[in-house]
Amino acid sequence: MPEIIPVIINPAAGRKKRLAVLLERLILFSPEVPTLSLLSLERVRERIDSAFSEWGMNVRIILTSAPGEATEIATQLAEKGEKLVVAVGGDGTINEVVNGLAGSSAALGVIPMGTSNSFAIGLGIPLALAGAVDVIRRRKIRSIDLGKVGNRYFAMGVGMSLDTLTLESIEPHGKRWFGAAAYLKGLFVALFYAFPKLDIEADGGHSHRGCYHVVISNVGFYGGFFCVAEHARTDDGKLDVSLFKKKGVFDLMRYVLAARRGNLAKCRDVVRFQCRRLQVTSAVPVDVHLDAEICETTPCEIECIRSAVSVVAP
């Protein structure tokens, strides 16, 4: 009996107008954007089915209808013994599916269709549909680490403070019209943000107090083509931490430009290190996002779980 590959699609992920694609290319200098994000849901389904069919593969498309549903579906598929589960969406969708597959024998396949697609970029998965399907076809399986906060895993990274406020301020239509460029709204939000100070304690003797912004990376890329940890690896059992010591708008612009150029290491007011576990505390509770989904607050403990999930990647 021929294999039928389950494909989980988040219909709400990465829906973009052509203006968004133009802005991403002009403002963010993105070399490539997922073309699926421009299509109707029906066309997305047709294109995915056709792309797999070209290689003689059959798919069963499963649409999600509510937040968290992808985790439930992925869990059920893994329990049924599926060897491969494909997720179509962005970092939030990947997060949900990963939380359903972690610790199982099922491998994750990725077709990028999100706003920023940092996980796919970090693993070298093509953003174009044909390239992503070709990677899945080749079935090169890599065992990768995941981060964990409480009972929830993350695949791309963790942010807090200004990051979460920015995510809360962006309406869905903002992402549709501006794409990943919508995240630059954070520079405006920063003008009115109090920036609670964050204290970090990590293994390896790392202790830092009074940071204004913290990013914990698993794949190295953040918000799309912004590289906050150019040497990050998903199989080294460590998380890459970046601590930002200044909070002015011009300093934030400097950080953003440096990350886009991949030379954040040149910023002397950014502390970077690796660790397996760290704790973040603050005088007042600060929201924390995992893979662009806000679901925690400080104080929180973050750890790296080695070889937690299998992924089909180059």
C-alpha atoms as a PDB file:
ATOM      1  CA  MET A   1       0.000   0.000   0.000  1.00  0.00           C
ATOM      2  CA  PRO A   2       1.532   3.376  -0.999  1.00  0.00           C
ATOM      3  CA  GLU A   3       2.563   5.777   1.736  1.00  0.00           C
ATOM      4  CA  ILE A   4       0.219   8.697   2.369  1.00  0.00           C
ATOM      5  CA  ILE A   5       2.035  11.604   4.014  1.00  0.00           C
ATOM      6  CA  PRO A   6      -0.020  13.694   6.463  1.00  0.00           C
ATOM      7  CA  VAL A   7       0.349  17.424   5.784  1.00  0.00           C
ATOM      8  CA  ILE A   8      -0.850  19.827   8.483  1.00  0.00           C
ATOM      9  CA  ILE A   9      -1.743  23.270   7.134  1.00  0.00           C
ATOM     10  CA  ASN A  10      -2.418  26.320   9.261  1.00  0.00           C
ATOM     11  CA  PRO A  11      -4.757  28.373   7.011  1.00  0.00           C
ATOM     12  CA  ALA A  12      -4.039  31.534   8.981  1.00  0.00           C
ATOM     13  CA  ALA A  13      -0.253  31.344   8.668  1.00  0.00           C
ATOM     14  CA  GLY A  14       1.691  33.835   6.581  1.00  0.00           C
ATOM     15  CA  ARG A  15      -1.121  35.250   4.472  1.00  0.00           C
ATOM     16  CA  LYS A  16       0.424  38.137   2.539  1.00  0.00           C
ATOM     17  CA  LYS A  17      -0.431  40.751  -0.037  1.00  0.00           C
ATOM     18  CA  ARG A  18       1.955  41.513  -2.888  1.00  0.00           C
ATOM     19  CA  LEU A  19       2.832  44.771  -1.132  1.00  0.00           C
ATOM     20  CA  ALA A  20       4.184  42.725   1.793  1.00  0.00           C
ATOM     21  CA  VAL A  21       6.464  40.752  -0.505  1.00  0.00           C
ATOM     22  CA  LEU A  22       7.703  43.987  -2.114  1.00  0.00           C
ATOM     23  CA  LEU A  23       8.391  45.585   1.271  1.00  0.00           C
ATOM     24  CA  GLU A  24      10.271  42.523   2.495  1.00  0.00           C
ATOM     25  CA  ARG A  25      12.491  42.599  -0.561  1.00  0.00           C
ATOM     26  CA  LEU A  26      13.076  46.360  -0.399  1.00  0.00           C
ATOM     27  CA  ILE A  27      13.345  46.928   3.362  1.00  0.00           C
ATOM     28  CA  LEU A  28      14.610  43.588   4.651  1.00  0.00           C
ATOM     29  CA  PHE A  29      16.533  42.639   1.502  1.00  0.00           C
ATOM     30  CA  SER A  30      14.968  39.183   1.681  1.00  0.00           C
ATOM     31  CA  PRO A  31      16.379  37.125  -1.197  1.00  0.00           C
ATOM     32  CA  GLU A  32      13.369  34.811  -1.245  1.00  0.00           C
ATOM     33  CA  VAL A  33       9.829  34.683   0.122  1.00  0.00           C
ATOM     34  CA  PRO A  34       7.387  31.745   0.172  1.00  0.00           C
ATOM     35  CA  THR A  35       5.126  32.105  -2.875  1.00  0.00           C
ATOM     36  CA  LEU A  36       2.408  30.082  -1.152  1.00  0.00           C
ATOM     37  CA  SER A  37       1.701  33.048   1.113  1.00  0.00           C
ATOM     38  CA  LEU A  38       0.170  34.927  -1.835  1.00  0.00           C
ATOM     39  CA  LEU A  39      -2.314  32.221  -2.808  1.00  0.00           C
ATOM     40  CA  SER A  40      -5.824  31.369  -1.670  1.00  0.00           C
ATOM     41  CA  LEU A  41      -6.204  28.351   0.591  1.00  0.00           C
ATOM     42  CA  GLU A  42      -7.657  26.295  -2.237  1.00  0.00           C
ATOM     43  CA  ARG A  43      -4.701  27.138  -4.480  1.00  0.00           C
ATOM     44  CA  VAL A  44      -2.302  26.309  -1.622  1.00  0.00           C
ATOM     45  CA  ARG A  45      -3.854  22.859  -1.314  1.00  0.00           C
ATOM     46  CA  GLU A  46      -3.696  22.307  -5.061  1.00  0.00           C
ATOM     47  CA  ARG A  47      -0.075  23.429  -5.310  1.00  0.00           C
ATOM     48  CA  ILE A  48       1.037  21.233  -2.423  1.00  0.00           C
ATOM     49  CA  ASP A  49      -0.794  18.176  -3.753  1.00  0.00           C
ATOM     50  CA  SER A  50       0.681  18.759  -7.212  1.00  0.00           C
ATOM     51  CA  ALA A  51       4.226  19.281  -5.900  1.00  0.00           C
ATOM     52  CA  PHE A  52       4.193  15.956  -4.066  1.00  0.00           C
ATOM     53  CA  SER A  53       2.462  14.167  -6.939  1.00  0.00           C
ATOM     54  CA  GLU A  54       5.282  15.148  -9.284  1.00  0.00           C
ATOM     55  CA  TRP A  55       7.570  12.911  -7.227  1.00  0.00           C
ATOM     56  CA  GLY A  56       5.027  10.106  -6.945  1.00  0.00           C
ATOM     57  CA  MET A  57       4.092  10.905  -3.356  1.00  0.00           C
ATOM     58  CA  ASN A  58       0.553  10.993  -1.967  1.00  0.00           C
ATOM     59  CA  VAL A  59      -0.558  13.386   0.748  1.00  0.00           C
ATOM     60  CA  ARG A  60      -3.458  13.750   3.140  1.00  0.00           C
ATOM     61  CA  ILE A  61      -4.048  17.405   3.898  1.00  0.00           C
ATOM     62  CA  ILE A  62      -5.274  18.291   7.387  1.00  0.00           C
ATOM     63  CA  LEU A  63      -6.410  21.858   8.087  1.00  0.00           C
ATOM     64  CA  THR A  64      -6.246  23.370  11.550  1.00  0.00           C
ATOM     65  CA  SER A  65      -9.063  25.594  12.771  1.00  0.00           C
ATOM     66  CA  ALA A  66      -7.902  26.826  16.172  1.00  0.00           C
ATOM     67  CA  PRO A  67      -4.694  27.624  18.096  1.00  0.00           C
ATOM     68  CA  GLY A  68      -3.120  24.520  19.615  1.00  0.00           C
ATOM     69  CA  GLU A  69      -4.943  22.125  17.304  1.00  0.00           C
ATOM     70  CA  ALA A  70      -1.782  21.326  15.327  1.00  0.00           C
ATOM     71  CA  THR A  71      -0.203  19.960  18.506  1.00  0.00           C
ATOM     72  CA  GLU A  72      -3.143  17.628  19.097  1.00  0.00           C
ATOM     73  CA  ILE A  73      -3.122  16.434  15.488  1.00  0.00           C
ATOM     74  CA  ALA A  74       0.650  15.862  15.480  1.00  0.00           C
ATOM     75  CA  THR A  75       0.439  13.935  18.762  1.00  0.00           C
ATOM     76  CA  GLN A  76      -2.268  11.663  17.374  1.00  0.00           C
ATOM     77  CA  LEU A  77      -0.332  11.050  14.155  1.00  0.00           C
ATOM     78  CA  ALA A  78       2.828  10.158  16.079  1.00  0.00           C
ATOM     79  CA  GLU A  79       0.897   7.787  18.341  1.00  0.00           C
ATOM     80  CA  LYS A  80      -0.528   6.065  15.252  1.00  0.00           C
ATOM     81  CA  GLY A  81       3.001   5.349  14.072  1.00  0.00           C
ATOM     82  CA  GLU A  82       3.400   7.913  11.281  1.00  0.00           C
ATOM     83  CA  LYS A  83       7.050   8.209  10.286  1.00  0.00           C
ATOM     84  CA  LEU A  84       6.755  11.634   8.671  1.00  0.00           C
ATOM     85  CA  VAL A  85       4.493  14.602   9.442  1.00  0.00           C
ATOM     86  CA  VAL A  86       4.708  17.733   7.286  1.00  0.00           C
ATOM     87  CA  ALA A  87       3.876  21.164   8.693  1.00  0.00           C
ATOM     88  CA  VAL A  88       2.869  24.035   6.399  1.00  0.00           C
ATOM     89  CA  GLY A  89       3.123  27.418   8.087  1.00  0.00           C
ATOM     90  CA  GLY A  90       5.522  29.654   9.977  1.00  0.00           C
ATOM     91  CA  ASP A  91       7.443  29.430  13.233  1.00  0.00           C
ATOM     92  CA  GLY A  92       4.237  29.359  15.304  1.00  0.00           C
ATOM     93  CA  THR A  93       2.884  26.416  13.327  1.00  0.00           C
ATOM     94  CA  ILE A  94       6.230  24.615  13.556  1.00  0.00           C
ATOM     95  CA  ASN A  95       6.153  25.177  17.313  1.00  0.00           C
ATOM     96  CA  GLU A  96       2.766  23.523  17.649  1.00  0.00           C
ATOM     97  CA  VAL A  97       3.694  20.516  15.528  1.00  0.00           C
ATOM     98  CA  VAL A  98       7.051  20.103  17.273  1.00  0.00           C
ATOM     99  CA  ASN A  99       5.283  19.990  20.626  1.00  0.00           C
ATOM    100  CA  GLY A 100       3.236  17.087  19.316  1.00  0.00           C
ATOM    101  CA  LEU A 101       6.182  15.179  17.810  1.00  0.00           C
ATOM    102  CA  ALA A 102       8.911  15.743  20.429  1.00  0.00           C
ATOM    103  CA  GLY A 103      10.165  12.453  21.846  1.00  0.00           C
ATOM    104  CA  SER A 104       8.435  10.351  19.191  1.00  0.00           C
ATOM    105  CA  SER A 105       9.871   8.456  16.223  1.00  0.00           C
ATOM    106  CA  ALA A 106       8.033  10.670  13.707  1.00  0.00           C
ATOM    107  CA  ALA A 107      10.115  13.123  11.678  1.00  0.00           C
ATOM    108  CA  LEU A 108       9.051  16.677  10.907  1.00  0.00           C
ATOM    109  CA  GLY A 109       8.925  17.928   7.326  1.00  0.00           C
ATOM    110  CA  VAL A 110       8.602  21.675   6.745  1.00  0.00           C
ATOM    111  CA  ILE A 111       6.986  23.710   3.969  1.00  0.00           C
ATOM    112  CA  PRO A 112       7.487  27.392   4.859  1.00  0.00           C
ATOM    113  CA  MET A 113       4.414  29.621   4.646  1.00  0.00           C
ATOM    114  CA  GLY A 114       4.856  31.969   7.578  1.00  0.00           C
ATOM    115  CA  THR A 115       5.635  35.617   8.133  1.00  0.00           C
ATOM    116  CA  SER A 116       9.310  35.169   8.976  1.00  0.00           C
ATOM    117  CA  ASN A 117      10.144  31.407   8.691  1.00  0.00           C
ATOM    118  CA  SER A 118      13.229  31.621  10.924  1.00  0.00           C
ATOM    119  CA  PHE A 119      13.257  27.894  11.666  1.00  0.00           C
ATOM    120  CA  ALA A 120      13.318  26.954   7.979  1.00  0.00           C
ATOM    121  CA  ILE A 121      15.971  29.552   7.206  1.00  0.00           C
ATOM    122  CA  GLY A 122      18.139  28.363  10.085  1.00  0.00           C
ATOM    123  CA  LEU A 123      18.016  24.750   8.892  1.00  0.00           C
ATOM    124  CA  GLY A 124      18.590  25.637   5.245  1.00  0.00           C
ATOM    125  CA  ILE A 125      15.132  24.513   4.108  1.00  0.00           C
ATOM    126  CA  PRO A 126      14.195  26.296   0.852  1.00  0.00           C
ATOM    127  CA  LEU A 127      11.363  28.818   1.106  1.00  0.00           C
ATOM    128  CA  ALA A 128      10.064  27.899  -2.353  1.00  0.00           C
ATOM    129  CA  LEU A 129       7.544  25.048  -2.436  1.00  0.00           C
ATOM    130  CA  ALA A 130       9.396  22.930  -4.991  1.00  0.00           C
ATOM    131  CA  GLY A 131      12.642  23.125  -3.050  1.00  0.00           C
ATOM    132  CA  ALA A 132      10.974  22.300   0.278  1.00  0.00           C
ATOM    133  CA  VAL A 133       9.204  19.270  -1.212  1.00  0.00           C
ATOM    134  CA  ASP A 134      12.455  18.105  -2.796  1.00  0.00           C
ATOM    135  CA  VAL A 135      14.077  18.167   0.662  1.00  0.00           C
ATOM    136  CA  ILE A 136      11.211  16.092   2.042  1.00  0.00           C
ATOM    137  CA  ARG A 137      11.501  13.668  -0.878  1.00  0.00           C
ATOM    138  CA  ARG A 138      15.168  13.032  -0.137  1.00  0.00           C
ATOM    139  CA  ARG A 139      14.355  12.090   3.493  1.00  0.00           C
ATOM    140  CA  LYS A 140      17.630  13.209   5.016  1.00  0.00           C
ATOM    141  CA  ILE A 141      16.701  13.079   8.682  1.00  0.00           C
ATOM    142  CA  ARG A 142      18.520  15.123  11.313  1.00  0.00           C
ATOM    143  CA  SER A 143      18.059  14.811  15.052  1.00  0.00           C
ATOM    144  CA  ILE A 144      17.956  18.314  16.531  1.00  0.00           C
ATOM    145  CA  ASP A 145      17.803  19.937  19.948  1.00  0.00           C
ATOM    146  CA  LEU A 146      14.816  21.841  21.251  1.00  0.00           C
ATOM    147  CA  GLY A 147      14.548  24.436  23.950  1.00  0.00           C
ATOM    148  CA  LYS A 148      12.055  24.019  26.743  1.00  0.00           C
ATOM    149  CA  VAL A 149      10.266  26.377  29.128  1.00  0.00           C
ATOM    150  CA  GLY A 150       8.035  24.668  31.649  1.00  0.00           C
ATOM    151  CA  ASN A 151       6.205  21.941  29.734  1.00  0.00           C
ATOM    152  CA  ARG A 152       6.486  23.597  26.327  1.00  0.00           C
ATOM    153  CA  TYR A 153       9.192  23.167  23.688  1.00  0.00           C
ATOM    154  CA  PHE A 154      10.477  25.762  21.257  1.00  0.00           C
ATOM    155  CA  ALA A 155      12.288  25.171  17.974  1.00  0.00           C
ATOM    156  CA  MET A 156      13.384  28.624  16.796  1.00  0.00           C
ATOM    157  CA  GLY A 157      13.934  30.747  19.891  1.00  0.00           C
ATOM    158  CA  VAL A 158      12.677  32.768  22.823  1.00  0.00           C
ATOM    159  CA  GLY A 159      12.244  36.507  23.234  1.00  0.00           C
ATOM    160  CA  MET A 160      10.753  38.789  25.835  1.00  0.00           C
ATOM    161  CA  SER A 161      10.244  42.404  26.848  1.00  0.00           C
ATOM    162  CA  LEU A 162       9.933  44.585  23.718  1.00  0.00           C
ATOM    163  CA  ASP A 163       9.541  41.498  21.520  1.00  0.00           C
ATOM    164  CA  THR A 164       6.310  40.383  23.123  1.00  0.00           C
ATOM    165  CA  LEU A 165       4.873  43.902  23.189  1.00  0.00           C
ATOM    166  CA  THR A 166       5.602  44.200  19.470  1.00  0.00           C
ATOM    167  CA  LEU A 167       3.913  40.866  18.742  1.00  0.00           C
ATOM    168  CA  GLU A 168       0.852  41.974  20.702  1.00  0.00           C
ATOM    169  CA  SER A 169       0.670  45.266  18.827  1.00  0.00           C
ATOM    170  CA  ILE A 170       0.642  43.761  15.321  1.00  0.00           C
ATOM    171  CA  GLU A 171      -2.816  42.917  14.014  1.00  0.00           C
ATOM    172  CA  PRO A 172      -3.224  40.037  11.508  1.00  0.00           C
ATOM    173  CA  HIS A 173      -3.959  42.511   8.711  1.00  0.00           C
ATOM    174  CA  GLY A 174      -0.636  44.220   9.494  1.00  0.00           C
ATOM    175  CA  LYS A 175       1.221  41.003   8.682  1.00  0.00           C
ATOM    176  CA  ARG A 176      -0.828  40.543   5.510  1.00  0.00           C
ATOM    177  CA  TRP A 177       0.015  44.004   4.224  1.00  0.00           C
ATOM    178  CA  PHE A 178       3.565  44.396   5.509  1.00  0.00           C
ATOM    179  CA  GLY A 179       4.828  40.841   6.041  1.00  0.00           C
ATOM    180  CA  ALA A 180       7.955  40.471   8.172  1.00  0.00           C
ATOM    181  CA  ALA A 181       8.525  44.225   7.799  1.00  0.00           C
ATOM    182  CA  ALA A 182       5.627  44.658  10.258  1.00  0.00           C
ATOM    183  CA  TYR A 183       7.995  43.622  13.050  1.00  0.00           C
ATOM    184  CA  LEU A 184       9.881  46.894  12.562  1.00  0.00           C
ATOM    185  CA  LYS A 185       6.954  48.423  14.421  1.00  0.00           C
ATOM    186  CA  GLY A 186       8.955  47.485  17.501  1.00  0.00           C
ATOM    187  CA  LEU A 187      11.152  50.545  16.915  1.00  0.00           C
ATOM    188  CA  PHE A 188       8.070  52.750  17.322  1.00  0.00           C
ATOM    189  CA  VAL A 189       6.755  50.759  20.290  1.00  0.00           C
ATOM    190  CA  ALA A 190      10.139  51.221  21.988  1.00  0.00           C
ATOM    191  CA  LEU A 191       9.532  54.978  22.246  1.00  0.00           C
ATOM    192  CA  PHE A 192       6.829  54.349  24.857  1.00  0.00           C
ATOM    193  CA  TYR A 193       8.094  51.174  26.534  1.00  0.00           C
ATOM    194  CA  ALA A 194       9.469  51.141  30.089  1.00  0.00           C
ATOM    195  CA  PHE A 195      11.958  48.284  29.456  1.00  0.00           C
ATOM    196  CA  PRO A 196      11.933  46.335  32.764  1.00  0.00           C
ATOM    197  CA  LYS A 197      15.407  45.171  33.694  1.00  0.00           C
ATOM    198  CA  LEU A 198      16.102  41.470  33.276  1.00  0.00           C
ATOM    199  CA  ASP A 199      18.553  39.381  35.312  1.00  0.00           C
ATOM    200  CA  ILE A 200      20.114  36.212  33.925  1.00  0.00           C
ATOM    201  CA  GLU A 201      21.786  33.297  35.685  1.00  0.00           C
ATOM    202  CA  ALA A 202      23.172  30.507  33.493  1.00  0.00           C
ATOM    203  CA  ASP A 203      25.430  27.501  33.776  1.00  0.00           C
ATOM    204  CA  GLY A 204      29.068  28.068  32.956  1.00  0.00           C
ATOM    205  CA  GLY A 205      29.321  30.913  35.450  1.00  0.00           C
ATOM    206  CA  HIS A 206      27.291  33.422  33.430  1.00  0.00           C
ATOM    207  CA  SER A 207      25.568  36.025  35.590  1.00  0.00           C
ATOM    208  CA  HIS A 208      24.262  39.264  34.127  1.00  0.00           C
ATOM    209  CA  ARG A 209      22.031  41.886  35.725  1.00  0.00           C
ATOM    210  CA  GLY A 210      20.141  44.830  34.302  1.00  0.00           C
ATOM    211  CA  CYS A 211      19.726  43.688  30.687  1.00  0.00           C
ATOM    212  CA  TYR A 212      17.030  45.396  28.621  1.00  0.00           C
ATOM    213  CA  HIS A 213      16.463  42.706  26.061  1.00  0.00           C
ATOM    214  CA  VAL A 214      17.180  38.969  25.875  1.00  0.00           C
ATOM    215  CA  VAL A 215      17.053  36.559  22.919  1.00  0.00           C
ATOM    216  CA  ILE A 216      17.639  32.831  23.361  1.00  0.00           C
ATOM    217  CA  SER A 217      18.272  31.064  20.048  1.00  0.00           C
ATOM    218  CA  ASN A 218      18.153  27.475  18.916  1.00  0.00           C
ATOM    219  CA  VAL A 219      18.637  27.996  15.167  1.00  0.00           C
ATOM    220  CA  GLY A 220      20.420  31.374  15.108  1.00  0.00           C
ATOM    221  CA  PHE A 221      17.909  33.282  12.963  1.00  0.00           C
ATOM    222  CA  TYR A 222      15.243  35.527  14.400  1.00  0.00           C
ATOM    223  CA  GLY A 223      12.358  37.341  12.756  1.00  0.00           C
ATOM    224  CA  GLY A 224      13.351  35.999   9.350  1.00  0.00           C
ATOM    225  CA  PHE A 225      16.739  36.800   7.885  1.00  0.00           C
ATOM    226  CA  PHE A 226      18.065  38.425  11.082  1.00  0.00           C
ATOM    227  CA  CYS A 227      21.019  36.450  12.408  1.00  0.00           C
ATOM    228  CA  VAL A 228      21.544  36.788  16.157  1.00  0.00           C
ATOM    229  CA  ALA A 229      23.842  33.767  16.536  1.00  0.00           C
ATOM    230  CA  GLU A 230      25.836  33.039  13.398  1.00  0.00           C
ATOM    231  CA  HIS A 231      27.537  29.996  14.908  1.00  0.00           C
ATOM    232  CA  ALA A 232      24.403  28.425  16.408  1.00  0.00           C
ATOM    233  CA  ARG A 233      23.942  24.709  15.840  1.00  0.00           C
ATOM    234  CA  THR A 234      20.842  22.644  16.450  1.00  0.00           C
ATOM    235  CA  ASP A 235      22.757  19.541  17.530  1.00  0.00           C
ATOM    236  CA  ASP A 236      25.309  20.808  20.053  1.00  0.00           C
ATOM    237  CA  GLY A 237      23.150  20.531  23.177  1.00  0.00           C
ATOM    238  CA  LYS A 238      23.388  24.271  23.826  1.00  0.00           C
ATOM    239  CA  LEU A 239      21.311  27.416  23.447  1.00  0.00           C
ATOM    240  CA  ASP A 240      22.806  30.673  22.150  1.00  0.00           C
ATOM    241  CA  VAL A 241      22.014  33.684  24.333  1.00  0.00           C
ATOM    242  CA  SER A 242      22.202  37.351  23.319  1.00  0.00           C
ATOM    243  CA  LEU A 243      21.873  40.072  25.967  1.00  0.00           C
ATOM    244  CA  PHE A 244      21.320  43.677  24.892  1.00  0.00           C
ATOM    245  CA  LYS A 245      22.600  46.334  27.272  1.00  0.00           C
ATOM    246  CA  LYS A 246      21.017  49.454  25.764  1.00  0.00           C
ATOM    247  CA  LYS A 247      17.411  50.416  25.039  1.00  0.00           C
ATOM    248  CA  GLY A 248      17.439  53.625  22.964  1.00  0.00           C
ATOM    249  CA  VAL A 249      15.694  53.584  19.604  1.00  0.00           C
ATOM    250  CA  PHE A 250      18.927  54.346  17.766  1.00  0.00           C
ATOM    251  CA  ASP A 251      20.653  51.533  19.657  1.00  0.00           C
ATOM    252  CA  LEU A 252      17.839  49.180  18.682  1.00  0.00           C
ATOM    253  CA  MET A 253      18.186  50.238  15.057  1.00  0.00           C
ATOM    254  CA  ARG A 254      21.895  49.510  15.311  1.00  0.00           C
ATOM    255  CA  TYR A 255      21.170  46.051  16.710  1.00  0.00           C
ATOM    256  CA  VAL A 256      18.623  45.321  13.956  1.00  0.00           C
ATOM    257  CA  LEU A 257      21.008  46.384  11.180  1.00  0.00           C
ATOM    258  CA  ALA A 258      23.842  44.360  12.692  1.00  0.00           C
ATOM    259  CA  ALA A 259      21.645  41.261  12.938  1.00  0.00           C
ATOM    260  CA  ARG A 260      20.487  41.673   9.348  1.00  0.00           C
ATOM    261  CA  ARG A 261      24.123  41.873   8.242  1.00  0.00           C
ATOM    262  CA  GLY A 262      25.088  38.920  10.415  1.00  0.00           C
ATOM    263  CA  ASN A 263      27.692  40.849  12.400  1.00  0.00           C
ATOM    264  CA  LEU A 264      26.021  41.311  15.781  1.00  0.00           C
ATOM    265  CA  ALA A 265      29.306  40.147  17.310  1.00  0.00           C
ATOM    266  CA  LYS A 266      30.755  43.575  16.504  1.00  0.00           C
ATOM    267  CA  CYS A 267      28.347  45.304  18.904  1.00  0.00           C
ATOM    268  CA  ARG A 268      30.305  45.688  22.137  1.00  0.00           C
ATOM    269  CA  ASP A 269      27.160  46.300  24.167  1.00  0.00           C
ATOM    270  CA  VAL A 270      25.727  42.882  23.249  1.00  0.00           C
ATOM    271  CA  VAL A 271      26.805  39.977  25.450  1.00  0.00           C
ATOM    272  CA  ARG A 272      26.645  36.562  23.810  1.00  0.00           C
ATOM    273  CA  PHE A 273      27.299  33.127  25.242  1.00  0.00           C
ATOM    274  CA  GLN A 274      26.149  29.506  25.104  1.00  0.00           C
ATOM    275  CA  CYS A 275      24.580  27.482  27.884  1.00  0.00           C
ATOM    276  CA  ARG A 276      22.449  24.438  28.563  1.00  0.00           C
ATOM    277  CA  ARG A 277      20.188  26.054  31.116  1.00  0.00           C
ATOM    278  CA  LEU A 278      19.416  29.585  32.272  1.00  0.00           C
ATOM    279  CA  GLN A 279      16.984  31.447  34.463  1.00  0.00           C
ATOM    280  CA  VAL A 280      15.506  34.862  33.704  1.00  0.00           C
ATOM    281  CA  THR A 281      14.051  36.984  36.500  1.00  0.00           C
ATOM    282  CA  SER A 282      12.737  40.527  36.774  1.00  0.00           C
ATOM    283  CA  ALA A 283      11.262  42.830  39.412  1.00  0.00           C
ATOM    284  CA  VAL A 284       7.908  42.756  37.606  1.00  0.00           C
ATOM    285  CA  PRO A 285       6.511  39.916  35.457  1.00  0.00           C
ATOM    286  CA  VAL A 286       7.564  40.193  31.808  1.00  0.00           C
ATOM    287  CA  ASP A 287       5.832  38.308  29.009  1.00  0.00           C
ATOM    288  CA  VAL A 288       7.894  35.679  27.201  1.00  0.00           C
ATOM    289  CA  HIS A 289       7.285  34.281  23.715  1.00  0.00           C
ATOM    290  CA  LEU A 290       8.309  30.887  22.387  1.00  0.00           C
ATOM    291  CA  ASP A 291       8.646  30.841  18.593  1.00  0.00           C
ATOM    292  CA  ALA A 292       6.590  34.059  18.347  1.00  0.00           C
ATOM    293  CA  GLU A 293       3.765  32.697  20.520  1.00  0.00           C
ATOM    294  CA  ILE A 294       3.365  34.451  23.890  1.00  0.00           C
ATOM    295  CA  CYS A 295       2.785  31.792  26.536  1.00  0.00           C
ATOM    296  CA  GLU A 296       5.073  32.418  29.532  1.00  0.00           C
ATOM    297  CA  THR A 297       6.154  35.147  31.948  1.00  0.00           C
ATOM    298  CA  THR A 298       9.228  35.765  34.048  1.00  0.00           C
ATOM    299  CA  PRO A 299      10.559  34.306  36.228  1.00  0.00           C
ATOM    300  CA  CYS A 300      11.208  31.381  33.940  1.00  0.00           C
ATOM    301  CA  GLU A 301      13.773  28.646  33.498  1.00  0.00           C
ATOM    302  CA  ILE A 302      14.894  27.741  29.995  1.00  0.00           C
ATOM    303  CA  GLU A 303      16.788  24.588  29.106  1.00  0.00           C
ATOM    304  CA  CYS A 304      18.092  22.754  26.054  1.00  0.00           C
ATOM    305  CA  ILE A 305      16.774  19.246  25.421  1.00  0.00           C
ATOM    306  CA  ARG A 306      19.267  17.402  23.261  1.00  0.00           C
ATOM    307  CA  SER A 307      18.108  15.406  20.214  1.00  0.00           C
ATOM    308  CA  ALA A 308      14.466  16.023  21.096  1.00  0.00           C
ATOM    309  CA  VAL A 309      12.943  15.762  17.621  1.00  0.00           C
ATOM    310  CA  SER A 310      13.810  14.521  14.123  1.00  0.00           C
ATOM    311  CA  VAL A 311      13.582  16.893  11.167  1.00  0.00           C
ATOM    312  CA  VAL A 312      13.869  16.335   7.415  1.00  0.00           C
ATOM    313  CA  ALA A 313      16.404  18.975   6.351  1.00  0.00           C
ATOM    314  CA  PRO A 314      19.350  19.414   3.942  1.00  0.00           C
END
